[in-house]
Amino acid sequence: MNTMFPQEPSLHFFDPLAELLGAGDGHFTYTFDDAVKLSGHACPTVAGAFLMVVHAMDALYGSETPQRGDILIRIQGAQDQGVLGPISQVFTLLTGAAPENGFQGLGGQHARNGLLRFEPAYGDAAGPFTFERGDTGKRVTVSYDPSCIPPRPEMGAHLQQILQGSAEAETKEAFRSAWRERVLNILADGGQSTVAVTVTREPT
């Protein structure tokens, strides 16, 4: 199997709807490659969205297998604000939580629509993100800041040349290498330096 990025960390879910409708046994494993294929590119934002789900699921479920489709996500900010749209798409891919245009369920069960909600932000900043278990009500708040893993200083100038159409092949390759290096560094860190998780409500 050809892979673009490291296969760890990975996420493992059980989706009862998938099991019901014959998609194997309902157990899914996701890696960062899946988020890249959805987004069409790899960047610090896509990596951060993936890592936030990794840490949120660990905080919510511990050694249990997370149940896809039973997770409510609240995003502070508008869906067209900054990078919240792309982040939300990764959240939906992994957890099944969808906005109002999501799957409406079968006989009142297995609905995914309305599980991902954009809510007014406090102040100008977008985020953080809240993940909540549907079965127990346990809730965690997650934030992401990749500034501690900065890009190479020359990346900005290289990108400007590329966008202006004046970059040589060597400049393009140097930019590609530096961009990928930062994403790899963020993934290698695993969210230890970039992701913060706070339990805001214990199980009921």
N, C-alpha and C. Protein backbone atom coordinates (compact mmCIF):
# COMPACT_ATOMS: atom_id res chain seq x y z
N MET A 1 0.84 -1.19 0.00
CA MET A 1 0.00 0.00 0.00
C MET A 1 0.87 1.25 0.00
N ASN A 2 0.63 2.14 -0.94
CA ASN A 2 1.38 3.38 -0.99
C ASN A 2 0.84 4.36 0.04
N THR A 3 1.72 4.90 0.85
CA THR A 3 1.31 5.88 1.85
C THR A 3 2.09 7.17 1.64
N MET A 4 1.46 8.28 1.95
CA MET A 4 2.08 9.58 1.78
C MET A 4 2.75 10.07 3.05
N PHE A 5 2.18 9.68 4.19
CA PHE A 5 2.65 10.17 5.49
C PHE A 5 2.68 9.02 6.48
N PRO A 6 3.33 9.21 7.63
CA PRO A 6 3.38 8.15 8.63
C PRO A 6 1.98 7.67 9.01
N GLN A 7 1.87 6.39 9.29
CA GLN A 7 0.57 5.80 9.59
C GLN A 7 0.20 5.88 11.08
N GLU A 8 1.06 6.46 11.86
CA GLU A 8 0.76 6.73 13.26
C GLU A 8 1.02 8.20 13.55
N PRO A 9 0.18 8.85 14.36
CA PRO A 9 -0.94 8.24 15.08
C PRO A 9 -2.09 7.88 14.15
N SER A 10 -2.90 6.95 14.59
CA SER A 10 -4.08 6.55 13.84
C SER A 10 -5.29 6.59 14.76
N LEU A 11 -6.47 6.51 14.15
CA LEU A 11 -7.72 6.55 14.90
C LEU A 11 -8.54 5.31 14.57
N HIS A 12 -9.13 4.71 15.59
CA HIS A 12 -9.94 3.52 15.40
C HIS A 12 -11.35 3.79 15.94
N PHE A 13 -12.35 3.59 15.12
CA PHE A 13 -13.74 3.83 15.49
C PHE A 13 -14.58 2.58 15.23
N PHE A 14 -15.69 2.49 15.98
CA PHE A 14 -16.75 1.55 15.64
C PHE A 14 -17.96 2.36 15.20
N ASP A 15 -18.49 2.06 14.03
CA ASP A 15 -19.65 2.76 13.49
C ASP A 15 -20.80 1.77 13.37
N PRO A 16 -21.80 1.86 14.26
CA PRO A 16 -22.90 0.89 14.22
C PRO A 16 -23.73 0.97 12.94
N LEU A 17 -23.80 2.14 12.33
CA LEU A 17 -24.53 2.27 11.06
C LEU A 17 -23.81 1.49 9.96
N ALA A 18 -22.50 1.58 9.94
CA ALA A 18 -21.72 0.83 8.95
C ALA A 18 -21.94 -0.66 9.12
N GLU A 19 -21.94 -1.12 10.38
CA GLU A 19 -22.18 -2.54 10.63
C GLU A 19 -23.57 -2.94 10.16
N LEU A 20 -24.57 -2.12 10.48
CA LEU A 20 -25.95 -2.41 10.11
C LEU A 20 -26.11 -2.55 8.60
N LEU A 21 -25.42 -1.69 7.86
CA LEU A 21 -25.60 -1.65 6.41
C LEU A 21 -24.52 -2.45 5.66
N GLY A 22 -23.81 -3.28 6.37
CA GLY A 22 -22.92 -4.24 5.71
C GLY A 22 -21.57 -3.72 5.28
N ALA A 23 -21.11 -2.59 5.86
CA ALA A 23 -19.77 -2.10 5.55
C ALA A 23 -18.78 -2.78 6.50
N GLY A 24 -18.49 -4.04 6.21
CA GLY A 24 -17.62 -4.81 7.08
C GLY A 24 -18.25 -5.01 8.45
N ASP A 25 -17.42 -4.99 9.48
CA ASP A 25 -17.92 -5.15 10.84
C ASP A 25 -18.11 -3.82 11.54
N GLY A 26 -18.01 -2.73 10.78
CA GLY A 26 -18.22 -1.41 11.36
C GLY A 26 -17.01 -0.81 12.02
N HIS A 27 -15.89 -1.51 12.01
CA HIS A 27 -14.66 -0.98 12.61
C HIS A 27 -13.81 -0.31 11.53
N PHE A 28 -13.52 0.96 11.74
CA PHE A 28 -12.75 1.74 10.78
C PHE A 28 -11.47 2.24 11.43
N THR A 29 -10.40 2.26 10.64
CA THR A 29 -9.14 2.87 11.06
C THR A 29 -8.79 3.99 10.10
N TYR A 30 -8.50 5.16 10.67
CA TYR A 30 -8.14 6.32 9.86
C TYR A 30 -6.70 6.73 10.17
N THR A 31 -5.98 7.13 9.14
CA THR A 31 -4.65 7.72 9.30
C THR A 31 -4.67 9.12 8.70
N PHE A 32 -3.56 9.82 8.87
CA PHE A 32 -3.48 11.18 8.33
C PHE A 32 -3.66 11.18 6.81
N ASP A 33 -3.26 10.12 6.15
CA ASP A 33 -3.46 10.03 4.70
C ASP A 33 -4.93 10.23 4.32
N ASP A 34 -5.85 9.72 5.13
CA ASP A 34 -7.27 9.87 4.84
C ASP A 34 -7.69 11.34 4.88
N ALA A 35 -7.18 12.07 5.86
CA ALA A 35 -7.49 13.50 5.94
C ALA A 35 -6.89 14.26 4.76
N VAL A 36 -5.70 13.83 4.32
CA VAL A 36 -5.06 14.48 3.17
C VAL A 36 -5.86 14.24 1.90
N LYS A 37 -6.35 13.01 1.72
CA LYS A 37 -7.14 12.71 0.53
C LYS A 37 -8.44 13.52 0.52
N LEU A 38 -9.06 13.68 1.68
CA LEU A 38 -10.27 14.50 1.76
C LEU A 38 -9.97 15.94 1.39
N SER A 39 -8.90 16.49 1.95
CA SER A 39 -8.58 17.91 1.79
C SER A 39 -7.91 18.21 0.46
N GLY A 40 -7.26 17.21 -0.12
CA GLY A 40 -6.53 17.43 -1.36
C GLY A 40 -5.15 18.01 -1.14
N HIS A 41 -4.73 18.12 0.12
CA HIS A 41 -3.39 18.63 0.41
C HIS A 41 -3.08 18.34 1.88
N ALA A 42 -1.81 18.47 2.23
CA ALA A 42 -1.38 18.36 3.62
C ALA A 42 -0.84 19.71 4.07
N CYS A 43 -1.24 20.14 5.24
CA CYS A 43 -0.79 21.42 5.77
C CYS A 43 -0.90 21.38 7.29
N PRO A 44 -0.35 22.39 7.99
CA PRO A 44 -0.47 22.41 9.44
C PRO A 44 -1.92 22.40 9.94
N THR A 45 -2.84 23.02 9.18
CA THR A 45 -4.24 23.03 9.60
C THR A 45 -4.86 21.65 9.54
N VAL A 46 -4.65 20.94 8.43
CA VAL A 46 -5.19 19.59 8.29
C VAL A 46 -4.57 18.66 9.34
N ALA A 47 -3.26 18.81 9.55
CA ALA A 47 -2.60 18.00 10.59
C ALA A 47 -3.18 18.31 11.96
N GLY A 48 -3.42 19.58 12.22
CA GLY A 48 -3.98 19.97 13.52
C GLY A 48 -5.37 19.42 13.73
N ALA A 49 -6.21 19.46 12.69
CA ALA A 49 -7.56 18.92 12.80
C ALA A 49 -7.51 17.43 13.13
N PHE A 50 -6.63 16.71 12.45
CA PHE A 50 -6.48 15.27 12.70
C PHE A 50 -6.01 15.02 14.13
N LEU A 51 -5.00 15.75 14.57
CA LEU A 51 -4.45 15.54 15.90
C LEU A 51 -5.43 15.95 17.00
N MET A 52 -6.23 16.96 16.74
CA MET A 52 -7.23 17.34 17.74
C MET A 52 -8.23 16.22 17.97
N VAL A 53 -8.64 15.55 16.89
CA VAL A 53 -9.55 14.41 17.06
C VAL A 53 -8.87 13.28 17.81
N VAL A 54 -7.61 13.02 17.49
CA VAL A 54 -6.86 11.98 18.20
C VAL A 54 -6.89 12.23 19.71
N HIS A 55 -6.58 13.46 20.11
CA HIS A 55 -6.51 13.77 21.53
C HIS A 55 -7.89 13.85 22.16
N ALA A 56 -8.87 14.34 21.42
CA ALA A 56 -10.23 14.40 21.96
C ALA A 56 -10.78 13.00 22.21
N MET A 57 -10.54 12.08 21.27
CA MET A 57 -11.04 10.72 21.46
C MET A 57 -10.34 10.03 22.62
N ASP A 58 -9.06 10.28 22.79
CA ASP A 58 -8.33 9.69 23.91
C ASP A 58 -8.89 10.19 25.24
N ALA A 59 -9.19 11.49 25.29
CA ALA A 59 -9.71 12.07 26.53
C ALA A 59 -11.14 11.61 26.80
N LEU A 60 -11.94 11.42 25.76
CA LEU A 60 -13.34 11.04 25.94
C LEU A 60 -13.52 9.54 26.20
N TYR A 61 -12.71 8.72 25.53
CA TYR A 61 -12.96 7.28 25.56
C TYR A 61 -11.88 6.46 26.26
N GLY A 62 -10.68 7.01 26.40
CA GLY A 62 -9.62 6.24 27.03
C GLY A 62 -9.35 4.96 26.27
N SER A 63 -9.45 3.82 26.94
CA SER A 63 -9.18 2.53 26.30
C SER A 63 -10.36 1.99 25.51
N GLU A 64 -11.52 2.64 25.61
CA GLU A 64 -12.70 2.22 24.84
C GLU A 64 -12.53 2.61 23.37
N THR A 65 -13.25 1.91 22.49
CA THR A 65 -13.26 2.28 21.09
C THR A 65 -14.30 3.38 20.87
N PRO A 66 -13.92 4.53 20.35
CA PRO A 66 -14.89 5.60 20.10
C PRO A 66 -15.99 5.15 19.14
N GLN A 67 -17.20 5.61 19.40
CA GLN A 67 -18.32 5.27 18.53
C GLN A 67 -18.57 6.40 17.54
N ARG A 68 -18.30 6.11 16.29
CA ARG A 68 -18.52 7.09 15.23
C ARG A 68 -20.03 7.33 15.09
N GLY A 69 -20.41 8.60 14.98
CA GLY A 69 -21.81 8.95 14.85
C GLY A 69 -22.49 9.24 16.17
N ASP A 70 -21.76 9.15 17.28
CA ASP A 70 -22.32 9.43 18.60
C ASP A 70 -21.50 10.51 19.31
N ILE A 71 -20.94 11.41 18.50
CA ILE A 71 -20.08 12.47 19.03
C ILE A 71 -20.61 13.82 18.54
N LEU A 72 -20.89 14.71 19.48
CA LEU A 72 -21.35 16.07 19.15
C LEU A 72 -20.15 17.01 19.19
N ILE A 73 -20.02 17.83 18.15
CA ILE A 73 -18.89 18.76 18.06
C ILE A 73 -19.43 20.18 17.92
N ARG A 74 -18.94 21.07 18.76
CA ARG A 74 -19.29 22.48 18.68
C ARG A 74 -18.05 23.28 18.30
N ILE A 75 -18.22 24.13 17.30
CA ILE A 75 -17.13 24.97 16.81
C ILE A 75 -17.49 26.42 17.02
N GLN A 76 -16.67 27.14 17.74
CA GLN A 76 -16.92 28.56 17.97
C GLN A 76 -16.42 29.36 16.78
N GLY A 77 -17.34 29.95 16.04
CA GLY A 77 -16.99 30.73 14.85
C GLY A 77 -17.89 30.34 13.70
N ALA A 78 -17.84 31.13 12.63
CA ALA A 78 -18.66 30.88 11.45
C ALA A 78 -17.99 29.86 10.54
N GLN A 79 -18.80 29.12 9.78
CA GLN A 79 -18.24 28.06 8.93
C GLN A 79 -17.33 28.59 7.84
N ASP A 80 -17.48 29.88 7.47
CA ASP A 80 -16.60 30.47 6.46
C ASP A 80 -15.52 31.35 7.07
N GLN A 81 -15.30 31.20 8.37
CA GLN A 81 -14.30 32.00 9.07
C GLN A 81 -12.95 31.30 9.05
N GLY A 82 -11.95 31.96 8.46
CA GLY A 82 -10.60 31.41 8.47
C GLY A 82 -10.55 29.99 7.95
N VAL A 83 -9.96 29.10 8.74
CA VAL A 83 -9.79 27.70 8.34
C VAL A 83 -10.80 26.78 9.03
N LEU A 84 -11.86 27.35 9.61
CA LEU A 84 -12.82 26.52 10.32
C LEU A 84 -13.55 25.55 9.40
N GLY A 85 -13.81 25.97 8.16
CA GLY A 85 -14.46 25.07 7.21
C GLY A 85 -13.65 23.82 6.94
N PRO A 86 -12.38 23.95 6.52
CA PRO A 86 -11.56 22.77 6.32
C PRO A 86 -11.38 21.91 7.57
N ILE A 87 -11.25 22.56 8.73
CA ILE A 87 -11.13 21.79 9.97
C ILE A 87 -12.39 20.97 10.21
N SER A 88 -13.55 21.58 10.00
CA SER A 88 -14.81 20.88 10.24
C SER A 88 -14.97 19.69 9.31
N GLN A 89 -14.47 19.79 8.09
CA GLN A 89 -14.59 18.68 7.15
C GLN A 89 -13.78 17.47 7.62
N VAL A 90 -12.62 17.72 8.18
CA VAL A 90 -11.82 16.62 8.74
C VAL A 90 -12.53 16.02 9.95
N PHE A 91 -13.10 16.87 10.79
CA PHE A 91 -13.87 16.38 11.94
C PHE A 91 -14.99 15.44 11.48
N THR A 92 -15.70 15.86 10.43
CA THR A 92 -16.82 15.05 9.93
C THR A 92 -16.33 13.72 9.39
N LEU A 93 -15.27 13.75 8.60
CA LEU A 93 -14.71 12.51 8.05
C LEU A 93 -14.44 11.50 9.15
N LEU A 94 -13.80 11.94 10.21
CA LEU A 94 -13.33 11.02 11.24
C LEU A 94 -14.44 10.58 12.20
N THR A 95 -15.24 11.51 12.66
CA THR A 95 -16.21 11.21 13.73
C THR A 95 -17.61 10.93 13.21
N GLY A 96 -17.91 11.31 11.96
CA GLY A 96 -19.26 11.17 11.44
C GLY A 96 -20.16 12.34 11.77
N ALA A 97 -19.75 13.20 12.70
CA ALA A 97 -20.57 14.36 13.07
C ALA A 97 -20.69 15.30 11.88
N ALA A 98 -21.93 15.60 11.49
CA ALA A 98 -22.17 16.41 10.30
C ALA A 98 -23.06 17.59 10.62
N PRO A 99 -22.98 18.66 9.82
CA PRO A 99 -23.92 19.77 9.98
C PRO A 99 -25.32 19.36 9.53
N GLU A 100 -26.18 20.32 9.31
CA GLU A 100 -27.58 20.02 9.01
C GLU A 100 -27.77 19.25 7.71
N ASN A 101 -26.78 19.26 6.82
CA ASN A 101 -26.92 18.54 5.55
C ASN A 101 -26.46 17.09 5.63
N GLY A 102 -26.19 16.61 6.85
CA GLY A 102 -25.72 15.24 7.02
C GLY A 102 -26.84 14.22 6.98
N PHE A 103 -26.47 12.96 7.13
CA PHE A 103 -27.41 11.83 7.07
C PHE A 103 -28.47 11.98 8.16
N GLN A 104 -29.74 11.81 7.79
CA GLN A 104 -30.85 12.05 8.71
C GLN A 104 -31.29 10.83 9.50
N GLY A 105 -30.65 9.70 9.26
CA GLY A 105 -30.91 8.54 10.08
C GLY A 105 -31.91 7.56 9.49
N LEU A 106 -32.12 6.46 10.23
CA LEU A 106 -33.05 5.41 9.84
C LEU A 106 -33.99 5.16 11.01
N GLY A 107 -35.27 5.46 10.81
CA GLY A 107 -36.24 5.22 11.87
C GLY A 107 -35.91 5.93 13.16
N GLY A 108 -35.35 7.13 13.05
CA GLY A 108 -35.01 7.89 14.25
C GLY A 108 -33.70 7.50 14.89
N GLN A 109 -32.95 6.62 14.25
CA GLN A 109 -31.66 6.19 14.78
C GLN A 109 -30.54 6.49 13.79
N HIS A 110 -29.32 6.58 14.31
CA HIS A 110 -28.11 6.71 13.49
C HIS A 110 -28.02 8.04 12.73
N ALA A 111 -28.76 9.06 13.13
CA ALA A 111 -28.68 10.35 12.46
C ALA A 111 -27.33 11.00 12.72
N ARG A 112 -26.81 11.65 11.69
CA ARG A 112 -25.53 12.36 11.82
C ARG A 112 -25.72 13.88 11.66
N ASN A 113 -26.85 14.28 11.09
CA ASN A 113 -27.07 15.71 10.85
C ASN A 113 -27.27 16.44 12.18
N GLY A 114 -26.70 17.62 12.24
CA GLY A 114 -26.82 18.44 13.44
C GLY A 114 -25.85 18.09 14.55
N LEU A 115 -24.96 17.11 14.30
CA LEU A 115 -23.97 16.76 15.32
C LEU A 115 -22.74 17.65 15.27
N LEU A 116 -22.58 18.41 14.21
CA LEU A 116 -21.49 19.38 14.11
C LEU A 116 -22.12 20.76 13.98
N ARG A 117 -21.85 21.62 14.95
CA ARG A 117 -22.53 22.91 15.05
C ARG A 117 -21.54 24.06 15.13
N PHE A 118 -21.79 25.09 14.34
CA PHE A 118 -21.03 26.32 14.43
C PHE A 118 -21.79 27.28 15.34
N GLU A 119 -21.10 27.81 16.34
CA GLU A 119 -21.72 28.68 17.32
C GLU A 119 -20.97 29.99 17.41
N PRO A 120 -21.62 31.05 17.87
CA PRO A 120 -20.95 32.36 17.95
C PRO A 120 -19.67 32.30 18.76
N ALA A 121 -18.63 32.93 18.23
CA ALA A 121 -17.35 32.97 18.93
C ALA A 121 -17.33 34.11 19.93
N TYR A 122 -16.54 33.93 20.98
CA TYR A 122 -16.35 34.99 21.96
C TYR A 122 -15.17 35.84 21.53
N GLY A 123 -15.45 37.07 21.12
CA GLY A 123 -14.39 37.92 20.59
C GLY A 123 -14.13 37.61 19.13
N ASP A 124 -12.94 38.00 18.66
CA ASP A 124 -12.59 37.84 17.25
C ASP A 124 -11.97 36.49 16.94
N ALA A 125 -11.47 35.80 17.95
CA ALA A 125 -10.75 34.55 17.70
C ALA A 125 -11.73 33.41 17.48
N ALA A 126 -11.35 32.50 16.57
CA ALA A 126 -12.14 31.31 16.31
C ALA A 126 -11.67 30.18 17.21
N GLY A 127 -12.60 29.32 17.58
CA GLY A 127 -12.26 28.21 18.44
C GLY A 127 -12.39 28.61 19.90
N PRO A 128 -12.15 27.70 20.85
CA PRO A 128 -11.69 26.33 20.64
C PRO A 128 -12.83 25.41 20.17
N PHE A 129 -12.61 24.11 20.27
CA PHE A 129 -13.54 23.11 19.75
C PHE A 129 -13.97 22.20 20.89
N THR A 130 -15.26 21.89 20.93
CA THR A 130 -15.80 21.06 22.00
C THR A 130 -16.30 19.74 21.42
N PHE A 131 -15.88 18.64 22.03
CA PHE A 131 -16.30 17.30 21.64
C PHE A 131 -17.06 16.69 22.83
N GLU A 132 -18.22 16.08 22.53
CA GLU A 132 -19.06 15.53 23.60
C GLU A 132 -19.58 14.14 23.22
N ARG A 133 -19.47 13.20 24.13
CA ARG A 133 -20.03 11.86 23.92
C ARG A 133 -21.54 11.90 24.02
N GLY A 134 -22.20 11.27 23.08
CA GLY A 134 -23.65 11.24 23.12
C GLY A 134 -24.20 10.33 24.19
N ASP A 135 -23.46 9.27 24.55
CA ASP A 135 -23.98 8.30 25.51
C ASP A 135 -23.79 8.74 26.96
N THR A 136 -22.66 9.35 27.29
CA THR A 136 -22.38 9.70 28.68
C THR A 136 -22.43 11.19 28.96
N GLY A 137 -22.35 12.01 27.90
CA GLY A 137 -22.34 13.45 28.10
C GLY A 137 -20.98 14.02 28.47
N LYS A 138 -19.97 13.17 28.58
CA LYS A 138 -18.64 13.69 28.88
C LYS A 138 -18.21 14.64 27.78
N ARG A 139 -17.60 15.76 28.18
CA ARG A 139 -17.28 16.81 27.22
C ARG A 139 -15.85 17.30 27.44
N VAL A 140 -15.14 17.52 26.34
CA VAL A 140 -13.80 18.09 26.41
C VAL A 140 -13.68 19.26 25.44
N THR A 141 -12.82 20.18 25.78
CA THR A 141 -12.52 21.32 24.92
C THR A 141 -11.09 21.18 24.42
N VAL A 142 -10.92 21.37 23.11
CA VAL A 142 -9.63 21.14 22.47
C VAL A 142 -9.21 22.38 21.70
N SER A 143 -7.94 22.71 21.78
CA SER A 143 -7.38 23.82 20.99
C SER A 143 -6.07 23.39 20.36
N TYR A 144 -5.65 24.15 19.35
CA TYR A 144 -4.46 23.78 18.57
C TYR A 144 -3.67 25.04 18.23
N ASP A 145 -2.37 24.98 18.46
CA ASP A 145 -1.49 26.10 18.13
C ASP A 145 -0.15 25.54 17.67
N PRO A 146 0.14 25.59 16.35
CA PRO A 146 1.38 25.01 15.83
C PRO A 146 2.57 25.97 15.82
N SER A 147 2.43 27.14 16.46
CA SER A 147 3.48 28.16 16.38
C SER A 147 4.79 27.69 17.00
N CYS A 148 4.75 26.69 17.88
CA CYS A 148 5.98 26.20 18.50
C CYS A 148 6.78 25.32 17.53
N ILE A 149 6.19 24.99 16.38
CA ILE A 149 6.89 24.26 15.33
C ILE A 149 6.86 25.13 14.08
N PRO A 150 7.71 26.14 14.02
CA PRO A 150 7.62 27.15 12.95
C PRO A 150 8.14 26.63 11.61
N PRO A 151 7.75 27.31 10.53
CA PRO A 151 8.29 26.97 9.22
C PRO A 151 9.70 27.50 9.05
N ARG A 152 10.39 27.01 8.04
CA ARG A 152 11.70 27.57 7.73
C ARG A 152 11.53 29.04 7.31
N PRO A 153 12.47 29.91 7.68
CA PRO A 153 12.33 31.34 7.41
C PRO A 153 12.16 31.67 5.92
N GLU A 154 12.76 30.88 5.04
CA GLU A 154 12.72 31.20 3.61
C GLU A 154 11.44 30.77 2.92
N MET A 155 10.56 30.07 3.63
CA MET A 155 9.37 29.54 2.98
C MET A 155 8.45 30.62 2.43
N GLY A 156 8.30 31.71 3.17
CA GLY A 156 7.42 32.79 2.73
C GLY A 156 7.86 33.40 1.42
N ALA A 157 9.15 33.67 1.30
CA ALA A 157 9.68 34.25 0.06
C ALA A 157 9.56 33.27 -1.10
N HIS A 158 9.80 32.00 -0.83
CA HIS A 158 9.69 31.00 -1.87
C HIS A 158 8.26 30.88 -2.38
N LEU A 159 7.31 30.89 -1.45
CA LEU A 159 5.90 30.79 -1.86
C LEU A 159 5.49 32.00 -2.69
N GLN A 160 5.96 33.17 -2.30
CA GLN A 160 5.62 34.38 -3.06
C GLN A 160 6.13 34.28 -4.49
N GLN A 161 7.35 33.79 -4.66
CA GLN A 161 7.90 33.61 -6.01
C GLN A 161 7.08 32.61 -6.82
N ILE A 162 6.68 31.53 -6.17
CA ILE A 162 5.89 30.51 -6.86
C ILE A 162 4.56 31.08 -7.32
N LEU A 163 3.87 31.80 -6.45
CA LEU A 163 2.56 32.35 -6.78
C LEU A 163 2.66 33.43 -7.86
N GLN A 164 3.80 34.11 -7.91
CA GLN A 164 4.01 35.13 -8.93
C GLN A 164 4.48 34.55 -10.25
N GLY A 165 4.79 33.26 -10.25
CA GLY A 165 5.24 32.60 -11.47
C GLY A 165 6.69 32.83 -11.81
N SER A 166 7.48 33.30 -10.85
CA SER A 166 8.87 33.63 -11.13
C SER A 166 9.86 32.64 -10.50
N ALA A 167 9.36 31.58 -9.88
CA ALA A 167 10.23 30.65 -9.16
C ALA A 167 10.91 29.67 -10.10
N GLU A 168 12.18 29.41 -9.84
CA GLU A 168 12.90 28.37 -10.56
C GLU A 168 12.52 27.00 -9.99
N ALA A 169 12.89 25.95 -10.71
CA ALA A 169 12.56 24.60 -10.27
C ALA A 169 13.16 24.30 -8.90
N GLU A 170 14.37 24.80 -8.67
CA GLU A 170 15.02 24.55 -7.39
C GLU A 170 14.27 25.20 -6.24
N THR A 171 13.74 26.39 -6.50
CA THR A 171 12.97 27.09 -5.48
C THR A 171 11.69 26.35 -5.17
N LYS A 172 11.02 25.85 -6.20
CA LYS A 172 9.79 25.09 -5.99
C LYS A 172 10.05 23.83 -5.18
N GLU A 173 11.13 23.15 -5.49
CA GLU A 173 11.45 21.93 -4.76
C GLU A 173 11.83 22.23 -3.32
N ALA A 174 12.56 23.34 -3.11
CA ALA A 174 12.94 23.72 -1.75
C ALA A 174 11.70 24.05 -0.93
N PHE A 175 10.72 24.70 -1.55
CA PHE A 175 9.49 25.03 -0.85
C PHE A 175 8.72 23.76 -0.50
N ARG A 176 8.58 22.87 -1.47
CA ARG A 176 7.86 21.61 -1.24
C ARG A 176 8.49 20.83 -0.08
N SER A 177 9.82 20.78 -0.08
CA SER A 177 10.52 20.03 0.95
C SER A 177 10.31 20.65 2.33
N ALA A 178 10.42 21.98 2.39
CA ALA A 178 10.27 22.67 3.67
C ALA A 178 8.83 22.58 4.19
N TRP A 179 7.87 22.69 3.29
CA TRP A 179 6.45 22.59 3.68
C TRP A 179 6.16 21.21 4.25
N ARG A 180 6.60 20.18 3.53
CA ARG A 180 6.36 18.81 3.99
C ARG A 180 7.10 18.55 5.31
N GLU A 181 8.30 19.09 5.43
CA GLU A 181 9.06 18.90 6.66
C GLU A 181 8.29 19.43 7.87
N ARG A 182 7.67 20.59 7.75
CA ARG A 182 6.93 21.13 8.88
C ARG A 182 5.73 20.25 9.23
N VAL A 183 5.00 19.79 8.22
CA VAL A 183 3.87 18.91 8.47
C VAL A 183 4.34 17.63 9.17
N LEU A 184 5.44 17.07 8.70
CA LEU A 184 5.98 15.86 9.32
C LEU A 184 6.40 16.12 10.77
N ASN A 185 6.97 17.27 11.02
CA ASN A 185 7.38 17.61 12.39
C ASN A 185 6.17 17.73 13.31
N ILE A 186 5.09 18.32 12.79
CA ILE A 186 3.86 18.44 13.58
C ILE A 186 3.29 17.07 13.89
N LEU A 187 3.29 16.19 12.89
CA LEU A 187 2.79 14.84 13.10
C LEU A 187 3.67 14.06 14.07
N ALA A 188 4.98 14.22 13.93
CA ALA A 188 5.92 13.52 14.81
C ALA A 188 5.73 13.94 16.27
N ASP A 189 5.42 15.20 16.47
CA ASP A 189 5.15 15.71 17.82
C ASP A 189 3.88 15.09 18.39
N GLY A 190 2.96 14.71 17.50
CA GLY A 190 1.76 14.02 17.93
C GLY A 190 0.77 14.85 18.71
N GLY A 191 0.94 16.17 18.67
CA GLY A 191 0.05 17.04 19.42
C GLY A 191 0.50 17.32 20.84
N GLN A 192 1.63 16.75 21.24
CA GLN A 192 2.11 16.95 22.61
C GLN A 192 2.42 18.43 22.89
N SER A 193 2.92 19.13 21.88
CA SER A 193 3.27 20.54 22.05
C SER A 193 2.23 21.49 21.45
N THR A 194 1.35 20.97 20.61
CA THR A 194 0.45 21.83 19.85
C THR A 194 -1.02 21.73 20.22
N VAL A 195 -1.41 20.64 20.88
CA VAL A 195 -2.82 20.42 21.20
C VAL A 195 -3.02 20.45 22.71
N ALA A 196 -4.02 21.19 23.14
CA ALA A 196 -4.39 21.25 24.56
C ALA A 196 -5.81 20.74 24.73
N VAL A 197 -6.03 19.88 25.74
CA VAL A 197 -7.33 19.29 26.00
C VAL A 197 -7.72 19.54 27.45
N THR A 198 -8.96 20.00 27.63
CA THR A 198 -9.48 20.22 28.97
C THR A 198 -10.82 19.52 29.10
N VAL A 199 -10.99 18.71 30.14
CA VAL A 199 -12.28 18.09 30.41
C VAL A 199 -13.19 19.13 31.03
N THR A 200 -14.29 19.44 30.35
CA THR A 200 -15.20 20.49 30.83
C THR A 200 -16.49 19.95 31.43
N ARG A 201 -16.77 18.64 31.21
CA ARG A 201 -17.90 18.01 31.88
C ARG A 201 -17.62 16.52 32.02
N GLU A 202 -17.78 16.02 33.23
CA GLU A 202 -17.56 14.60 33.47
C GLU A 202 -18.78 13.80 33.06
N PRO A 203 -18.63 12.48 32.90
CA PRO A 203 -19.77 11.65 32.50
C PRO A 203 -20.93 11.75 33.48
N THR A 204 -22.15 11.61 32.97
CA THR A 204 -23.33 11.63 33.83
C THR A 204 -23.77 10.21 34.15
